[in-house]
Amino acid sequence: MTPVTPHRTVLAAGAAAAAALVVQAAPVVSTFGPLRNRLMPGLAGVGRPDHVALTFDDGPDPISTPRFLSLLEKRGVRATFFMLGSMLTLVPELAREISAAGHEIGIHGWAHRPLLLRSPRATYRDLARARDAVAETTGKVPRLFRPPYGVMSTAAHLSARQLGLTPVLWTSWGEDWTSRATPLSVYGTVTRDLHGGGTVLLHDSDCTSAPAAWQSALGALPGILDLCEQRGWEVGPLREHGVPTLPARP
């Protein structure tokens, strides 16, 4: 048996302290887009260089989501929809329609509340409730999770792993939730930081945004798809993006 020397003890303690520091710092680092994209490419949704992942948050909404589905169907594009459990239960048939159309469904939590303000138990219950609602409604267990406001917590990382959920944020967003957003501003904001391998965040609902803000995202979407086509980037859901995911759990 190899004796444990003081030097080894110090090294082990240092490694444990460093690991703990990484876990605690992760929520802070993940908040800042450029730093997240560089240091946490998996969390940021950096994937295949010839592919762009198209994602939507905050739905499903019976007023706005069908319009996005119609546009995507016309363009032959599939996307990932990060749904709120509280919205899904209002229109379960719309969630089933989204799934049946070949789109991917992830969860955005049950309620759109900052996770940093929630206890570990409340965080786990929120994610589990949303995951189970999607699974029961569509017959498919979701594998992806995006936190409200894009802010992770240590409890969210641990809960997601326990539930077999992979957190994925984004590399480009449209700032389409504000009252001053327009199709032109959303297009410009998304494409300014868009590269092959990027993940785009838009919103198909205004449940947490300015009233009718989704119209700016919908108006910008054709131009975004056109640009991707011109640059030779395939557009699709995260499941085709090459981002590593955790094994699904029942």
Protein backbone atom coordinates (compact mmCIF):
# COMPACT_ATOMS: atom_id res chain seq x y z
CA MET A 1 0.00 0.00 0.00
CA THR A 2 1.46 3.35 -1.05
CA PRO A 3 1.72 5.74 1.89
CA VAL A 4 -0.07 9.09 1.56
CA THR A 5 2.53 11.81 1.84
CA PRO A 6 1.79 15.38 2.98
CA HIS A 7 2.73 16.57 -0.51
CA ARG A 8 0.10 14.33 -2.12
CA THR A 9 -2.46 15.42 0.44
CA VAL A 10 -1.83 19.05 -0.42
CA LEU A 11 -2.11 18.33 -4.14
CA ALA A 12 -5.37 16.45 -3.67
CA ALA A 13 -6.79 19.22 -1.54
CA GLY A 14 -5.73 21.77 -4.14
CA ALA A 15 -7.37 19.81 -6.95
CA ALA A 16 -10.59 19.48 -4.96
CA ALA A 17 -10.59 23.18 -4.20
CA ALA A 18 -10.00 24.01 -7.87
CA ALA A 19 -12.85 21.73 -8.94
CA ALA A 20 -15.17 23.34 -6.41
CA LEU A 21 -14.15 26.77 -7.67
CA VAL A 22 -14.96 25.78 -11.25
CA VAL A 23 -18.40 24.54 -10.22
CA GLN A 24 -19.13 27.74 -8.33
CA ALA A 25 -17.76 29.98 -11.08
CA ALA A 26 -19.58 28.22 -13.92
CA PRO A 27 -22.86 30.12 -13.47
CA VAL A 28 -20.98 33.43 -13.58
CA VAL A 29 -18.87 32.58 -16.62
CA SER A 30 -21.88 31.23 -18.51
CA THR A 31 -23.64 34.60 -18.23
CA PHE A 32 -21.14 36.39 -20.48
CA GLY A 33 -21.59 35.35 -24.10
CA PRO A 34 -18.08 35.88 -25.56
CA LEU A 35 -16.44 34.24 -22.54
CA ARG A 36 -18.96 31.39 -22.56
CA ASN A 37 -18.48 30.76 -26.28
CA ARG A 38 -14.72 30.45 -25.80
CA LEU A 39 -14.48 28.60 -22.48
CA MET A 40 -17.70 26.57 -22.56
CA PRO A 41 -18.42 25.78 -26.23
CA GLY A 42 -20.69 22.85 -25.35
CA LEU A 43 -22.84 24.98 -23.07
CA ALA A 44 -22.88 27.78 -25.66
CA GLY A 45 -24.12 25.42 -28.35
CA VAL A 46 -21.06 25.51 -30.60
CA GLY A 47 -21.46 22.66 -33.08
CA ARG A 48 -20.58 21.57 -36.60
CA PRO A 49 -18.93 24.36 -38.61
CA ASP A 50 -21.25 23.74 -41.56
CA HIS A 51 -24.41 23.87 -39.45
CA VAL A 52 -26.45 26.50 -37.59
CA ALA A 53 -28.84 25.41 -34.86
CA LEU A 54 -32.13 27.32 -34.83
CA THR A 55 -33.85 27.50 -31.43
CA PHE A 56 -36.93 29.16 -29.97
CA ASP A 57 -37.82 29.89 -26.36
CA ASP A 58 -40.95 30.54 -24.27
CA GLY A 59 -43.64 28.69 -26.23
CA PRO A 60 -45.79 27.05 -27.23
CA ASP A 61 -48.15 29.96 -27.84
CA PRO A 62 -51.43 29.37 -29.73
CA ILE A 63 -51.28 32.82 -31.34
CA SER A 64 -47.69 33.06 -32.49
CA THR A 65 -46.14 29.57 -32.61
CA PRO A 66 -48.30 28.30 -35.52
CA ARG A 67 -46.97 31.18 -37.65
CA PHE A 68 -43.40 30.08 -37.03
CA LEU A 69 -44.33 26.49 -37.79
CA SER A 70 -45.90 27.54 -41.09
CA LEU A 71 -42.82 29.51 -42.15
CA LEU A 72 -40.46 26.70 -41.17
CA GLU A 73 -42.57 24.17 -43.05
CA LYS A 74 -42.46 26.29 -46.20
CA ARG A 75 -38.69 26.56 -45.93
CA GLY A 76 -38.20 22.88 -45.11
CA VAL A 77 -36.41 23.70 -41.86
CA ARG A 78 -36.63 21.97 -38.49
CA ALA A 79 -35.74 23.66 -35.22
CA THR A 80 -35.51 23.14 -31.47
CA PHE A 81 -38.27 24.56 -29.29
CA PHE A 82 -37.43 25.11 -25.62
CA MET A 83 -40.87 25.03 -24.02
CA LEU A 84 -42.14 26.29 -20.70
CA GLY A 85 -44.11 23.61 -18.91
CA SER A 86 -46.69 26.18 -17.82
CA MET A 87 -47.32 27.11 -21.47
CA LEU A 88 -47.34 23.53 -22.73
CA THR A 89 -50.14 22.48 -20.41
CA LEU A 90 -52.38 25.20 -21.86
CA VAL A 91 -52.04 23.89 -25.44
CA PRO A 92 -50.80 20.29 -25.32
CA GLU A 93 -52.13 19.65 -28.82
CA LEU A 94 -49.79 22.34 -30.18
CA ALA A 95 -46.82 20.69 -28.49
CA ARG A 96 -47.81 17.40 -30.11
CA GLU A 97 -48.09 19.16 -33.48
CA ILE A 98 -44.58 20.58 -33.11
CA SER A 99 -43.18 17.16 -32.29
CA ALA A 100 -45.10 15.45 -35.09
CA ALA A 101 -43.72 17.99 -37.58
CA GLY A 102 -40.20 16.75 -36.82
CA HIS A 103 -39.04 19.57 -34.58
CA GLU A 104 -37.04 18.91 -31.43
CA ILE A 105 -38.43 19.83 -28.02
CA GLY A 106 -36.33 20.85 -25.05
CA ILE A 107 -37.43 22.37 -21.77
CA HIS A 108 -37.14 25.96 -20.55
CA GLY A 109 -38.27 25.02 -17.08
CA TRP A 110 -41.80 25.04 -15.73
CA ALA A 111 -41.95 28.73 -14.83
CA HIS A 112 -39.79 31.51 -16.28
CA ARG A 113 -38.06 32.41 -13.02
CA PRO A 114 -34.36 33.06 -12.32
CA LEU A 115 -32.75 29.86 -11.09
CA LEU A 116 -30.20 31.72 -8.97
CA LEU A 117 -33.08 32.71 -6.69
CA ARG A 118 -34.35 29.15 -6.24
CA SER A 119 -33.30 26.46 -3.80
CA PRO A 120 -31.74 23.21 -5.04
CA ARG A 121 -34.94 21.31 -4.30
CA ALA A 122 -37.15 23.88 -6.06
CA THR A 123 -34.78 23.86 -9.03
CA TYR A 124 -34.93 20.08 -9.36
CA ARG A 125 -38.72 20.03 -9.08
CA ASP A 126 -39.09 22.77 -11.70
CA LEU A 127 -36.94 20.93 -14.25
CA ALA A 128 -38.45 17.52 -13.48
CA ARG A 129 -42.00 18.84 -13.78
CA ALA A 130 -41.30 20.40 -17.17
CA ARG A 131 -39.44 17.34 -18.43
CA ASP A 132 -42.26 15.01 -17.40
CA ALA A 133 -44.89 17.28 -18.98
CA VAL A 134 -43.12 17.15 -22.34
CA ALA A 135 -42.64 13.39 -22.10
CA GLU A 136 -46.27 12.73 -21.18
CA THR A 137 -47.59 15.06 -23.88
CA THR A 138 -45.39 14.04 -26.81
CA GLY A 139 -44.31 10.54 -25.84
CA LYS A 140 -40.66 11.63 -26.11
CA VAL A 141 -38.39 12.32 -23.15
CA PRO A 142 -36.62 15.66 -23.76
CA ARG A 143 -32.83 15.71 -23.53
CA LEU A 144 -32.10 19.44 -23.67
CA PHE A 145 -32.57 22.24 -21.16
CA ARG A 146 -32.18 26.01 -21.43
CA PRO A 147 -32.45 28.05 -18.23
CA PRO A 148 -34.65 31.16 -18.04
CA TYR A 149 -32.64 34.28 -18.89
CA GLY A 150 -29.75 32.01 -19.87
CA VAL A 151 -28.42 32.00 -16.30
CA MET A 152 -27.39 28.67 -14.83
CA SER A 153 -26.85 27.90 -11.17
CA THR A 154 -24.87 25.15 -9.51
CA ALA A 155 -28.17 23.51 -8.53
CA ALA A 156 -29.36 23.71 -12.14
CA HIS A 157 -26.21 21.97 -13.39
CA LEU A 158 -26.59 19.20 -10.83
CA SER A 159 -30.36 18.81 -11.35
CA ALA A 160 -29.98 18.69 -15.12
CA ARG A 161 -27.39 15.93 -14.85
CA GLN A 162 -29.59 13.93 -12.49
CA LEU A 163 -32.47 14.22 -14.96
CA GLY A 164 -30.41 13.39 -18.05
CA LEU A 165 -30.78 16.92 -19.42
CA THR A 166 -27.99 18.72 -21.27
CA PRO A 167 -27.96 22.52 -20.80
CA VAL A 168 -27.50 24.45 -24.05
CA LEU A 169 -27.50 28.23 -24.34
CA TRP A 170 -26.66 30.11 -27.57
CA THR A 171 -23.98 31.97 -29.48
CA SER A 172 -26.28 34.52 -31.21
CA TRP A 173 -29.54 36.09 -30.15
CA GLY A 174 -31.89 38.62 -31.67
CA GLU A 175 -32.84 40.71 -28.63
CA ASP A 176 -36.34 40.21 -29.99
CA TRP A 177 -38.10 40.45 -26.64
CA THR A 178 -38.03 44.26 -26.35
CA SER A 179 -40.69 46.71 -27.46
CA ARG A 180 -38.16 48.52 -29.67
CA ALA A 181 -37.20 45.40 -31.63
CA THR A 182 -37.94 45.31 -35.36
CA PRO A 183 -37.36 42.62 -37.98
CA LEU A 184 -34.36 44.65 -39.21
CA SER A 185 -32.85 45.04 -35.74
CA VAL A 186 -33.33 41.34 -34.93
CA TYR A 187 -31.75 40.31 -38.23
CA GLY A 188 -28.78 42.63 -37.66
CA THR A 189 -28.22 41.49 -34.08
CA VAL A 190 -28.36 37.79 -34.95
CA THR A 191 -26.17 37.94 -38.04
CA ARG A 192 -23.56 40.23 -36.49
CA ASP A 193 -22.29 37.37 -34.32
CA LEU A 194 -23.38 34.44 -36.46
CA HIS A 195 -20.84 31.89 -37.65
CA GLY A 196 -20.98 28.32 -38.84
CA GLY A 197 -21.40 26.13 -35.78
CA GLY A 198 -23.47 28.77 -34.01
CA THR A 199 -26.76 28.44 -32.16
CA VAL A 200 -29.41 31.12 -32.72
CA LEU A 201 -31.90 32.12 -30.03
CA LEU A 202 -35.27 33.63 -30.98
CA HIS A 203 -38.66 33.65 -29.22
CA ASP A 204 -41.87 32.19 -30.63
CA SER A 205 -43.93 33.66 -27.79
CA ASP A 206 -44.25 36.98 -25.99
CA CYS A 207 -45.33 35.49 -22.66
CA THR A 208 -42.23 36.98 -21.02
CA SER A 209 -41.54 39.68 -23.65
CA ALA A 210 -43.08 42.93 -24.81
CA PRO A 211 -46.55 42.45 -26.33
CA ALA A 212 -46.33 41.16 -29.93
CA ALA A 213 -42.52 41.13 -29.76
CA TRP A 214 -42.58 37.77 -31.54
CA GLN A 215 -43.51 39.58 -34.76
CA SER A 216 -39.98 40.98 -34.97
CA ALA A 217 -38.47 37.50 -34.75
CA LEU A 218 -40.88 36.14 -37.33
CA GLY A 219 -40.13 39.02 -39.68
CA ALA A 220 -36.38 38.52 -39.35
CA LEU A 221 -36.40 34.76 -39.79
CA PRO A 222 -36.58 34.57 -43.62
CA GLY A 223 -33.53 36.83 -43.95
CA ILE A 224 -31.59 34.79 -41.41
CA LEU A 225 -32.39 31.59 -43.28
CA ASP A 226 -31.42 33.22 -46.58
CA LEU A 227 -28.05 34.30 -45.19
CA CYS A 228 -27.31 30.81 -43.87
CA GLU A 229 -28.16 29.35 -47.26
CA GLN A 230 -25.90 31.85 -49.03
CA ARG A 231 -23.00 30.95 -46.76
CA GLY A 232 -23.52 27.22 -47.18
CA TRP A 233 -24.69 26.56 -43.63
CA GLU A 234 -27.33 23.94 -43.07
CA VAL A 235 -29.99 25.06 -40.57
CA GLY A 236 -31.57 22.55 -38.24
CA PRO A 237 -32.25 21.47 -34.65
CA LEU A 238 -29.65 20.95 -31.97
CA ARG A 239 -29.89 17.16 -32.32
CA GLU A 240 -28.15 17.56 -35.71
CA HIS A 241 -25.66 20.16 -34.49
CA GLY A 242 -23.02 17.88 -33.03
CA VAL A 243 -23.31 19.09 -29.43
CA PRO A 244 -22.55 16.28 -26.93
CA THR A 245 -25.57 15.34 -24.82
CA LEU A 246 -26.14 13.24 -21.74
CA PRO A 247 -27.85 9.85 -22.10
CA ALA A 248 -31.63 10.15 -21.87
CA ARG A 249 -33.18 8.94 -18.61
CA PRO A 250 -36.73 7.65 -18.23
